[in-house]
Protein backbone atom coordinates (compact mmCIF):
# COMPACT_ATOMS: atom_id res chain seq x y z
CA UNK A 1 96.48 -71.99 -23.10
CA UNK A 2 98.65 -68.96 -22.65
CA UNK A 3 102.11 -69.87 -21.47
CA UNK A 4 103.11 -67.78 -18.50
CA UNK A 5 106.61 -66.40 -18.21
CA UNK A 6 108.58 -66.89 -15.00
CA UNK A 7 108.68 -63.83 -12.81
CA UNK A 8 112.15 -62.42 -13.25
CA UNK A 9 114.97 -64.35 -14.86
CA UNK A 10 117.57 -66.34 -12.99
CA UNK A 11 120.89 -64.85 -14.13
CA UNK A 12 123.12 -67.48 -15.66
CA UNK A 13 126.92 -67.41 -15.37
CA UNK A 14 128.81 -66.66 -18.61
CA UNK A 15 129.97 -70.24 -18.93
CA UNK A 16 126.48 -71.43 -19.86
CA UNK A 17 124.87 -68.26 -21.26
CA UNK A 18 126.69 -67.07 -24.34
CA UNK A 19 127.30 -70.08 -26.53
CA UNK A 20 130.44 -71.06 -24.63
CA UNK A 21 132.35 -67.90 -25.53
CA UNK A 22 133.65 -67.99 -21.98
CA UNK A 23 134.17 -71.53 -20.78
CA UNK A 24 136.54 -73.82 -18.95
CA UNK A 25 139.07 -75.73 -21.01
CA UNK A 26 137.57 -78.93 -22.46
CA UNK A 27 139.51 -82.07 -21.53
CA UNK A 28 141.41 -83.78 -24.34
CA UNK A 29 139.22 -85.94 -26.53
CA UNK A 30 135.95 -84.32 -25.42
CA UNK A 31 134.10 -82.51 -28.17
CA UNK A 32 132.23 -79.41 -27.14
CA UNK A 33 128.44 -79.61 -27.19
CA UNK A 34 128.45 -76.78 -29.74
CA UNK A 35 130.32 -79.08 -32.12
CA UNK A 36 128.06 -82.01 -31.29
CA UNK A 37 124.77 -80.17 -31.79
CA UNK A 38 124.27 -76.51 -32.57
CA UNK A 39 120.98 -75.35 -31.07
CA UNK A 40 118.59 -73.46 -33.33
CA UNK A 41 118.00 -71.00 -30.52
CA UNK A 42 118.98 -70.66 -26.91
CA UNK A 43 116.13 -70.00 -24.49
CA UNK A 44 118.72 -68.12 -22.45
CA UNK A 45 118.48 -65.32 -25.00
CA UNK A 46 114.91 -64.59 -23.90
CA UNK A 47 113.31 -64.34 -20.50
CA UNK A 48 113.96 -68.04 -19.97
CA UNK A 49 117.48 -67.60 -18.65
CA UNK A 50 116.73 -70.09 -15.93
CA UNK A 51 116.89 -72.99 -18.38
CA UNK A 52 120.50 -73.42 -17.33
CA UNK A 53 120.92 -76.84 -15.87
CA UNK A 54 121.35 -76.42 -12.17
CA UNK A 55 119.22 -73.70 -10.67
CA UNK A 56 117.96 -74.96 -7.38
CA UNK A 57 118.97 -75.29 -3.76
CA UNK A 58 120.58 -78.46 -2.35
CA UNK A 59 117.91 -78.75 0.32
CA UNK A 60 115.54 -79.77 -2.46
CA UNK A 61 117.86 -82.17 -4.25
CA UNK A 62 116.27 -85.43 -5.46
CA UNK A 63 118.53 -88.39 -4.73
CA UNK A 64 116.21 -91.35 -4.44
CA UNK A 65 118.84 -94.00 -5.31
CA UNK A 66 121.83 -92.35 -3.63
CA UNK A 67 122.29 -95.14 -1.12
CA UNK A 68 123.31 -97.45 -4.00
CA UNK A 69 126.10 -95.18 -5.24
CA UNK A 70 129.82 -95.47 -4.55
CA UNK A 71 131.68 -92.91 -2.36
CA UNK A 72 133.17 -91.27 -5.49
CA UNK A 73 129.77 -90.95 -7.09
CA UNK A 74 128.27 -89.53 -3.90
CA UNK A 75 131.09 -86.96 -3.77
CA UNK A 76 130.29 -86.00 -7.37
CA UNK A 77 126.61 -85.55 -6.53
CA UNK A 78 127.57 -83.46 -3.50
CA UNK A 79 129.59 -81.18 -5.79
CA UNK A 80 126.60 -80.72 -8.06
CA UNK A 81 124.41 -79.93 -5.06
CA UNK A 82 126.95 -77.32 -3.97
CA UNK A 83 126.83 -75.84 -7.47
CA UNK A 84 123.03 -75.71 -7.20
CA UNK A 85 123.35 -73.84 -3.91
CA UNK A 86 125.86 -71.34 -5.26
CA UNK A 87 123.81 -70.73 -8.41
CA UNK A 88 120.76 -70.03 -6.27
CA UNK A 89 122.71 -67.68 -3.98
CA UNK A 90 124.36 -65.96 -6.93
CA UNK A 91 121.11 -65.43 -8.80
CA UNK A 92 119.36 -64.11 -5.69
CA UNK A 93 122.08 -61.55 -5.08
CA UNK A 94 122.02 -60.51 -8.75
CA UNK A 95 118.25 -60.07 -8.61
CA UNK A 96 118.72 -58.02 -5.47
CA UNK A 97 121.25 -55.75 -7.20
CA UNK A 98 119.08 -55.33 -10.27
CA UNK A 99 115.97 -54.60 -8.26
CA UNK A 100 117.30 -51.70 -6.17
CA UNK A 101 119.78 -48.83 -6.60
CA UNK A 102 120.51 -48.76 -2.90
CA UNK A 103 122.31 -52.07 -2.58
CA UNK A 104 124.99 -52.38 0.05
CA UNK A 105 128.53 -53.37 -0.88
CA UNK A 106 128.06 -56.68 0.92
CA UNK A 107 125.68 -57.97 -1.78
CA UNK A 108 128.35 -57.21 -4.40
CA UNK A 109 130.94 -59.15 -2.41
CA UNK A 110 128.48 -62.02 -1.96
CA UNK A 111 127.82 -62.21 -5.69
CA UNK A 112 131.48 -62.01 -6.62
CA UNK A 113 132.42 -64.70 -4.11
CA UNK A 114 129.68 -67.07 -5.29
CA UNK A 115 130.67 -66.54 -8.93
CA UNK A 116 134.30 -67.34 -8.26
CA UNK A 117 133.36 -70.61 -6.53
CA UNK A 118 130.97 -71.43 -9.36
CA UNK A 119 133.67 -71.37 -12.03
CA UNK A 120 135.44 -74.42 -10.50
CA UNK A 121 132.19 -76.34 -10.06
CA UNK A 122 131.05 -75.46 -13.57
CA UNK A 123 134.31 -76.79 -14.95
CA UNK A 124 133.64 -80.07 -13.12
CA UNK A 125 130.15 -80.17 -14.63
CA UNK A 126 131.51 -79.42 -18.12
CA UNK A 127 134.12 -82.20 -17.87
CA UNK A 128 131.63 -84.65 -16.36
CA UNK A 129 128.92 -84.22 -19.02
CA UNK A 130 131.52 -84.16 -21.79
CA UNK A 131 132.75 -87.52 -20.50
CA UNK A 132 129.19 -88.88 -20.28
CA UNK A 133 128.49 -87.95 -23.90
CA UNK A 134 131.76 -89.41 -25.22
CA UNK A 135 131.38 -92.62 -23.18
CA UNK A 136 127.62 -92.88 -23.61
CA UNK A 137 127.30 -96.64 -24.12
CA UNK A 138 129.38 -97.34 -21.03
CA UNK A 139 127.34 -94.93 -18.90
CA UNK A 140 124.04 -96.42 -20.08
CA UNK A 141 125.18 -99.96 -19.31
CA UNK A 142 127.47 -99.67 -16.29
CA UNK A 143 126.64 -96.36 -14.57
CA UNK A 144 122.90 -96.29 -15.02
CA UNK A 145 122.06 -95.31 -11.42
CA UNK A 146 124.45 -92.37 -11.38
CA UNK A 147 123.26 -91.22 -14.82
CA UNK A 148 119.66 -91.34 -13.57
CA UNK A 149 120.56 -89.19 -10.55
CA UNK A 150 122.41 -86.67 -12.71
CA UNK A 151 119.48 -86.37 -15.13
CA UNK A 152 117.08 -85.86 -12.23
CA UNK A 153 119.26 -82.96 -11.12
CA UNK A 154 118.93 -81.41 -14.57
CA UNK A 155 120.94 -81.77 -17.78
CA UNK A 156 123.05 -78.63 -18.40
CA UNK A 157 121.34 -76.51 -21.03
CA UNK A 158 124.11 -76.67 -23.65
CA UNK A 159 124.27 -80.45 -23.38
CA UNK A 160 120.53 -81.02 -23.73
CA UNK A 161 120.52 -81.21 -27.54
CA UNK A 162 122.95 -84.12 -27.73
CA UNK A 163 121.86 -85.86 -24.50
CA UNK A 164 118.18 -85.87 -25.49
CA UNK A 165 119.14 -87.37 -28.87
CA UNK A 166 121.26 -90.02 -27.17
CA UNK A 167 118.56 -90.84 -24.63
CA UNK A 168 115.99 -91.64 -27.30
CA UNK A 169 118.48 -93.09 -29.85
CA UNK A 170 117.72 -90.40 -32.43
CA UNK A 171 121.28 -89.56 -33.45
CA UNK A 172 121.32 -91.62 -36.65
CA UNK A 173 117.82 -92.09 -38.03
CA UNK A 174 117.12 -92.82 -41.73
CA UNK A 175 114.04 -90.56 -41.59
CA UNK A 176 116.36 -87.55 -41.24
CA UNK A 177 117.34 -87.99 -44.92
CA UNK A 178 113.67 -87.70 -45.95
CA UNK A 179 113.11 -84.41 -44.13
CA UNK A 180 113.96 -81.99 -46.95
CA UNK A 181 111.79 -83.98 -49.39
CA UNK A 182 108.85 -83.97 -46.97
CA UNK A 183 108.97 -80.17 -46.80
CA UNK A 184 108.42 -80.00 -50.58
CA UNK A 185 105.17 -81.96 -50.26
CA UNK A 186 101.80 -80.62 -49.19
CA UNK A 187 99.90 -81.90 -46.13
CA UNK A 188 96.14 -81.87 -45.50
CA UNK A 189 96.94 -80.61 -41.98
CA UNK A 190 98.70 -77.40 -43.09
CA UNK A 191 95.85 -74.98 -42.35
CA UNK A 192 95.28 -76.48 -38.92
CA UNK A 193 99.00 -76.32 -38.10
CA UNK A 194 99.24 -72.68 -39.26
CA UNK A 195 96.27 -71.76 -37.06
CA UNK A 196 97.84 -73.27 -33.93
CA UNK A 197 101.43 -72.09 -34.45
CA UNK A 198 100.77 -68.59 -33.09
CA UNK A 199 99.33 -70.09 -29.88
CA UNK A 200 102.48 -72.09 -29.17
CA UNK A 201 104.77 -70.29 -26.68
CA UNK A 202 103.22 -66.89 -27.56
CA UNK A 203 105.43 -65.11 -24.98
CA UNK A 204 108.72 -66.64 -26.15
CA UNK A 205 110.90 -64.40 -28.34
CA UNK A 206 111.78 -67.21 -30.75
CA UNK A 207 108.12 -67.84 -31.61
CA UNK A 208 106.81 -64.25 -31.58
CA UNK A 209 105.57 -62.84 -34.87
CA UNK A 210 104.01 -64.46 -37.91
CA UNK A 211 107.24 -64.41 -39.90
CA UNK A 212 109.52 -65.46 -37.03
CA UNK A 213 112.07 -68.21 -37.56
CA UNK A 214 110.53 -70.14 -34.65
CA UNK A 215 107.08 -70.29 -36.21
CA UNK A 216 108.53 -71.29 -39.58
CA UNK A 217 110.65 -74.20 -38.31
CA UNK A 218 107.84 -75.32 -35.99
CA UNK A 219 105.48 -75.43 -38.97
CA UNK A 220 108.06 -77.41 -40.96
CA UNK A 221 108.52 -80.11 -38.31
CA UNK A 222 104.78 -80.48 -37.63
CA UNK A 223 104.03 -80.68 -41.36
CA UNK A 224 106.80 -83.25 -41.97
CA UNK A 225 105.49 -85.45 -39.16
CA UNK A 226 101.92 -85.25 -40.44
CA UNK A 227 103.19 -86.70 -43.74
CA UNK A 228 105.21 -89.61 -42.28
CA UNK A 229 102.38 -90.61 -39.92
CA UNK A 230 99.10 -89.97 -41.72
CA UNK A 231 97.02 -91.85 -39.13
CA UNK A 232 97.94 -89.33 -36.45
CA UNK A 233 98.56 -86.40 -38.79
CA UNK A 234 98.61 -83.35 -36.55
CA UNK A 235 97.29 -83.17 -33.00
CA UNK A 236 96.92 -79.96 -31.03
CA UNK A 237 99.32 -79.94 -28.08
CA UNK A 238 102.14 -81.80 -29.81
CA UNK A 239 103.50 -78.45 -31.08
CA UNK A 240 104.53 -77.54 -27.52
CA UNK A 241 106.79 -80.60 -27.39
CA UNK A 242 108.28 -79.84 -30.81
CA UNK A 243 108.70 -76.17 -29.82
CA UNK A 244 110.78 -77.17 -26.80
CA UNK A 245 112.96 -79.42 -28.97
CA UNK A 246 113.51 -76.53 -31.41
CA UNK A 247 114.78 -74.35 -28.57
CA UNK A 248 117.60 -76.88 -28.14
CA UNK A 249 118.48 -78.15 -31.63
CA UNK A 250 118.09 -77.59 -35.42
CA UNK A 251 114.83 -78.61 -37.06
CA UNK A 252 116.09 -81.84 -38.69
CA UNK A 253 117.30 -83.12 -35.32
CA UNK A 254 114.12 -81.96 -33.57
CA UNK A 255 112.10 -83.86 -36.19
CA UNK A 256 114.06 -87.08 -35.53
CA UNK A 257 113.67 -86.78 -31.77
CA UNK A 258 109.93 -86.12 -32.13
CA UNK A 259 109.51 -89.17 -34.39
CA UNK A 260 111.29 -91.28 -31.79
CA UNK A 261 109.19 -89.86 -28.93
CA UNK A 262 106.02 -90.67 -30.85
CA UNK A 263 107.22 -94.21 -31.61
CA UNK A 264 108.78 -95.23 -28.31
CA UNK A 265 107.33 -93.06 -25.51
CA UNK A 266 103.56 -93.74 -25.84
CA UNK A 267 103.03 -90.28 -27.37
CA UNK A 268 101.73 -91.64 -30.66
CA UNK A 269 98.99 -93.52 -28.81
CA UNK A 270 98.18 -90.35 -26.85
CA UNK A 271 97.84 -88.30 -30.04
CA UNK A 272 95.85 -90.78 -32.13
CA UNK A 273 92.40 -89.44 -33.14
CA UNK A 274 90.64 -91.79 -30.68
CA UNK A 275 92.96 -90.63 -27.83
CA UNK A 276 92.41 -94.04 -26.22
CA UNK A 277 95.78 -93.83 -24.45
CA UNK A 278 94.80 -90.55 -22.82
CA UNK A 279 91.70 -92.29 -21.48
CA UNK A 280 93.93 -95.02 -20.03
CA UNK A 281 96.30 -92.47 -18.41
CA UNK A 282 93.35 -90.65 -16.82
CA UNK A 283 91.94 -93.98 -15.59
CA UNK A 284 95.30 -94.94 -14.02
CA UNK A 285 95.77 -91.48 -12.50
CA UNK A 286 92.26 -91.56 -10.99
CA UNK A 287 93.11 -94.87 -9.32
CA UNK A 288 96.26 -93.32 -7.79
CA UNK A 289 94.24 -90.32 -6.62
CA UNK A 290 91.57 -92.52 -5.05
CA UNK A 291 94.17 -94.68 -3.32
CA UNK A 292 96.59 -92.00 -2.11
CA UNK A 293 94.41 -88.90 -1.63
CA UNK A 294 90.91 -90.25 -0.84
CA UNK A 295 89.69 -87.02 0.81
CA UNK A 296 90.65 -84.92 -2.21
CA UNK A 297 89.14 -87.51 -4.55
CA UNK A 298 85.78 -87.33 -2.71
CA UNK A 299 85.88 -83.53 -2.86
CA UNK A 300 86.59 -83.54 -6.62
CA UNK A 301 83.65 -85.90 -7.16
CA UNK A 302 81.31 -83.84 -4.99
CA UNK A 303 82.14 -80.79 -7.13
CA UNK A 304 81.97 -82.74 -10.43
CA UNK A 305 85.58 -81.69 -11.00
CA UNK A 306 86.68 -84.34 -13.48
CA UNK A 307 90.28 -85.57 -13.66
CA UNK A 308 90.36 -84.87 -17.40
CA UNK A 309 89.61 -81.17 -16.70
CA UNK A 310 93.05 -80.58 -15.17
CA UNK A 311 95.20 -83.63 -16.02
CA UNK A 312 94.65 -84.03 -19.79
CA UNK A 313 97.11 -81.23 -20.63
CA UNK A 314 99.66 -82.74 -18.22
CA UNK A 315 99.82 -85.90 -20.32
CA UNK A 316 99.39 -84.29 -23.74
CA UNK A 317 101.99 -81.53 -23.28
CA UNK A 318 104.15 -83.03 -20.49
CA UNK A 319 103.53 -79.96 -18.27
CA UNK A 320 104.84 -77.58 -20.95
CA UNK A 321 101.56 -75.63 -20.79
CA UNK A 322 101.45 -75.85 -16.99
CA UNK A 323 104.84 -74.68 -15.71
CA UNK A 324 107.22 -71.94 -16.86
CA UNK A 325 109.88 -73.40 -19.16
CA UNK A 326 112.69 -73.74 -16.57
CA UNK A 327 110.55 -76.06 -14.43
CA UNK A 328 108.87 -77.89 -17.33
CA UNK A 329 112.24 -78.59 -18.96
CA UNK A 330 113.50 -80.25 -15.79
CA UNK A 331 110.48 -82.57 -15.91
CA UNK A 332 111.14 -83.16 -19.62
CA UNK A 333 114.75 -84.19 -18.88
CA UNK A 334 113.41 -86.98 -16.67
CA UNK A 335 110.70 -87.93 -19.18
CA UNK A 336 113.41 -88.47 -21.80
CA UNK A 337 115.04 -91.09 -19.54
CA UNK A 338 112.15 -92.54 -17.54
CA UNK A 339 109.08 -92.05 -19.76
CA UNK A 340 105.49 -91.14 -18.84
CA UNK A 341 105.90 -92.33 -15.24
CA UNK A 342 107.23 -88.87 -14.34
CA UNK A 343 103.94 -87.28 -15.44
CA UNK A 344 102.00 -89.47 -12.98
CA UNK A 345 104.52 -88.70 -10.25
CA UNK A 346 104.60 -84.92 -10.76
CA UNK A 347 100.81 -84.78 -11.09
CA UNK A 348 100.30 -86.60 -7.79
CA UNK A 349 102.99 -84.47 -6.12
CA UNK A 350 101.12 -81.30 -7.17
CA UNK A 351 97.87 -82.61 -5.68
CA UNK A 352 99.65 -83.62 -2.46
CA UNK A 353 101.19 -80.15 -2.11
CA UNK A 354 97.84 -78.45 -2.64
CA UNK A 355 95.29 -80.79 -1.08
CA UNK A 356 94.59 -78.59 1.97
CA UNK A 357 93.78 -75.57 -0.22
CA UNK A 358 91.84 -77.46 -2.90
CA UNK A 359 89.38 -79.12 -0.49
CA UNK A 360 88.24 -75.62 0.58
CA UNK A 361 87.33 -74.55 -2.98
CA UNK A 362 84.34 -75.08 -5.26
CA UNK A 363 84.68 -76.06 -8.92
CA UNK A 364 85.26 -72.51 -10.18
CA UNK A 365 87.76 -71.82 -7.39
CA UNK A 366 89.68 -75.01 -8.19
CA UNK A 367 89.80 -74.18 -11.91
CA UNK A 368 91.31 -70.77 -11.09
CA UNK A 369 93.73 -72.32 -8.59
CA UNK A 370 95.04 -74.80 -11.20
CA UNK A 371 95.51 -71.99 -13.72
CA UNK A 372 97.01 -69.25 -11.55
CA UNK A 373 98.55 -70.66 -8.36
CA UNK A 374 99.95 -74.12 -9.13
CA UNK A 375 102.11 -73.13 -12.17
CA UNK A 376 104.39 -70.80 -10.16
CA UNK A 377 104.81 -72.71 -6.91
CA UNK A 378 108.21 -74.15 -7.87
CA UNK A 379 109.79 -71.34 -9.91
CA UNK A 380 112.57 -70.84 -7.35
CA UNK A 381 113.19 -74.51 -6.57
CA UNK A 382 112.17 -77.10 -9.18
CA UNK A 383 114.03 -79.76 -7.19
CA UNK A 384 111.45 -79.45 -4.42
CA UNK A 385 108.79 -80.67 -6.85
CA UNK A 386 111.01 -83.43 -8.25
CA UNK A 387 111.95 -84.66 -4.77
CA UNK A 388 108.25 -84.92 -3.83
CA UNK A 389 107.46 -86.61 -7.15
CA UNK A 390 109.89 -89.43 -6.38
CA UNK A 391 108.30 -89.91 -2.97
CA UNK A 392 104.95 -90.67 -4.65
CA UNK A 393 103.99 -94.34 -4.56
CA UNK A 394 104.07 -95.72 -8.10
CA UNK A 395 103.65 -99.44 -8.71
CA UNK A 396 104.43 -100.50 -12.31
CA UNK A 397 102.75 -103.91 -11.82
CA UNK A 398 99.57 -102.26 -10.58
CA UNK A 399 99.64 -99.85 -13.53
CA UNK A 400 99.92 -102.84 -15.89
CA UNK A 401 96.94 -104.48 -14.17
CA UNK A 402 94.95 -101.26 -14.53
CA UNK A 403 95.84 -101.19 -18.23
CA UNK A 404 94.32 -104.67 -18.69
CA UNK A 405 91.30 -103.65 -16.60
CA UNK A 406 90.74 -100.55 -18.72
CA UNK A 407 91.08 -102.56 -21.96
CA UNK A 408 88.44 -105.03 -20.68
CA UNK A 409 86.06 -102.16 -19.82
CA UNK A 410 86.54 -100.61 -23.26
CA UNK A 411 86.04 -103.96 -25.01
CA UNK A 412 82.80 -104.49 -23.10
CA UNK A 413 81.63 -101.00 -24.03
CA UNK A 414 82.46 -101.69 -27.67
CA UNK A 415 80.56 -105.00 -27.58
CA UNK A 416 77.56 -103.22 -26.04
CA UNK A 417 77.68 -100.54 -28.73
CA UNK A 418 77.84 -103.21 -31.44
CA UNK A 419 74.85 -104.99 -29.88
CA UNK A 420 72.88 -101.73 -29.66
CA UNK A 421 73.70 -100.99 -33.28
CA UNK A 422 72.58 -104.50 -34.28
CA UNK A 423 69.28 -104.14 -32.39
CA UNK A 424 68.62 -100.74 -33.99
CA UNK A 425 69.26 -102.21 -37.44
CA UNK A 426 66.88 -105.11 -36.69
CA UNK A 427 64.22 -102.69 -35.45
CA UNK A 428 64.53 -100.60 -38.59
CA UNK A 429 64.18 -103.68 -40.82
CA UNK A 430 61.13 -104.89 -38.84
CA UNK A 431 59.50 -101.47 -39.23
CA UNK A 432 60.11 -101.58 -42.95
CA UNK A 433 58.53 -105.10 -43.17
CA UNK A 434 55.49 -104.00 -41.16
CA UNK A 435 55.03 -100.95 -43.39
CA UNK A 436 55.31 -103.16 -46.50
CA UNK A 437 52.75 -105.68 -45.13
CA UNK A 438 50.34 -102.86 -44.24
CA UNK A 439 50.55 -101.48 -47.78
CA UNK A 440 49.88 -104.95 -49.28
CA UNK A 441 46.88 -105.56 -47.02
C-alpha cells in the first residue's frame, strides 16, 4: 500500500527539531537522549515534522487512569496538556503565516506568545523524561500508572529511541554482537526483501531512491532477522515496523528491538508462514464487532465485506500503512507498553467513529472509504482517536476464552482434514485393489 503523507507539516519548536542544538539546560546527572541513542535519521527532517511528541489539543487528552494519580502527578499531566494546547495553537498560526502573504500582525504576536510559553513547558518535559530514563526501574515498578498516562500522551520524539528500547528490554541483548557477522552471510530471502524495500515508506525522504541509506539499512535488518529466525524468515509487512524503528535509532539497535518485538509481543506468531495468530486476532476482533456494533456487523456481512479485508493490515503493520506517521507513531508508543490490545482498541474506535457513514455504502464504497477517508481523520488531533480507543470495551478474560475457542475450532478442522485425507487414501488403495483383481480375473 502507498503510504500517504500528512497534509502540511506541523511546525516543531527548535527544542525538538534540530538534534537539540537549541535546548533547555539538562539537569545534573541526566544524560541527553542524543548521548543515550543517536537516531539514524530524524523524521522531522522530512515532511513528518509532526512526529514531535505532543501535537494535539488538551480537549482530546486520554487520561483513563487519572483518578488514581496523586495531586502532583495530576498537575504534571495538566502541564503536558497545556503544552499540547500551545503546540497546536503555535503550529496553526505558523501554518496560517506560511499559507498566506496577507497575514495580520496579530497572528505573528499569537505565534510569538505561544512559543515563549512553550519553552518553559518543553523544559519541564525534557527534565521529566530525562528523569524517567535515568530512574527507569523505579518508574516501571512504583510509578507505573503515571508512566502509562505519559506514554499515552506521546513519548517526545528525541526520547523514543531509548524509551522504546527500555520498554521492550532491548538495551543489552547478546544478539547485537552477532549483527555484523549476520550481514556477511547470505539469506534465501534476499531477493524477496530487495523487491519489497522500495514499497516501504515510498514517500519518506530517508527511504527514497534505490541507493538511499534508508533502503540499505532496512535491507540489512530484514536480512539479519531472516537468518536468526529461519522459520519465519521474511514476511511482507514487517519492513514497515523495522522502517519506523530505523527512523529513531541506528540499525543494530533497531535489529535488537525488532527481535524483542517478535519474541515478546506476539509478532512472531503473526508473521509465521501459517499466520495462525492473524486468524485468531481476526476472530477476536469479529467477536468485538458483533458484540459492540451489531448493526455495522450485519451490514458488513450483507455486503460480504470480510473483516480480514480491512483489519489484516492493522494487525500486521500496527496501523503504519493506515495512518500518516505522526498518528501511527502515537499508536506505536502505546503498543510498546501495552501490546496488541491497542490495535483492537484503535480498530474498534475507527469503526465506532465511522459507523453511520459505512452502513450507507456498498462493498466498493466501503473499500474506498477505508483507503481514502479513515487515514486522515485524526491528523490534527491524534489524542481524539486514543481517547476513544480507551473507551472501547476490552475484556482480557473474554479474549483468553476466545483464544481457547478458536484453538478448539482449528483443532477440529485439522482432525476433519486428517480424516478426509485418510478416507481419500483408503479409497485410492481400494481402487488399486479392484483394478488388480479385475486384471487377474
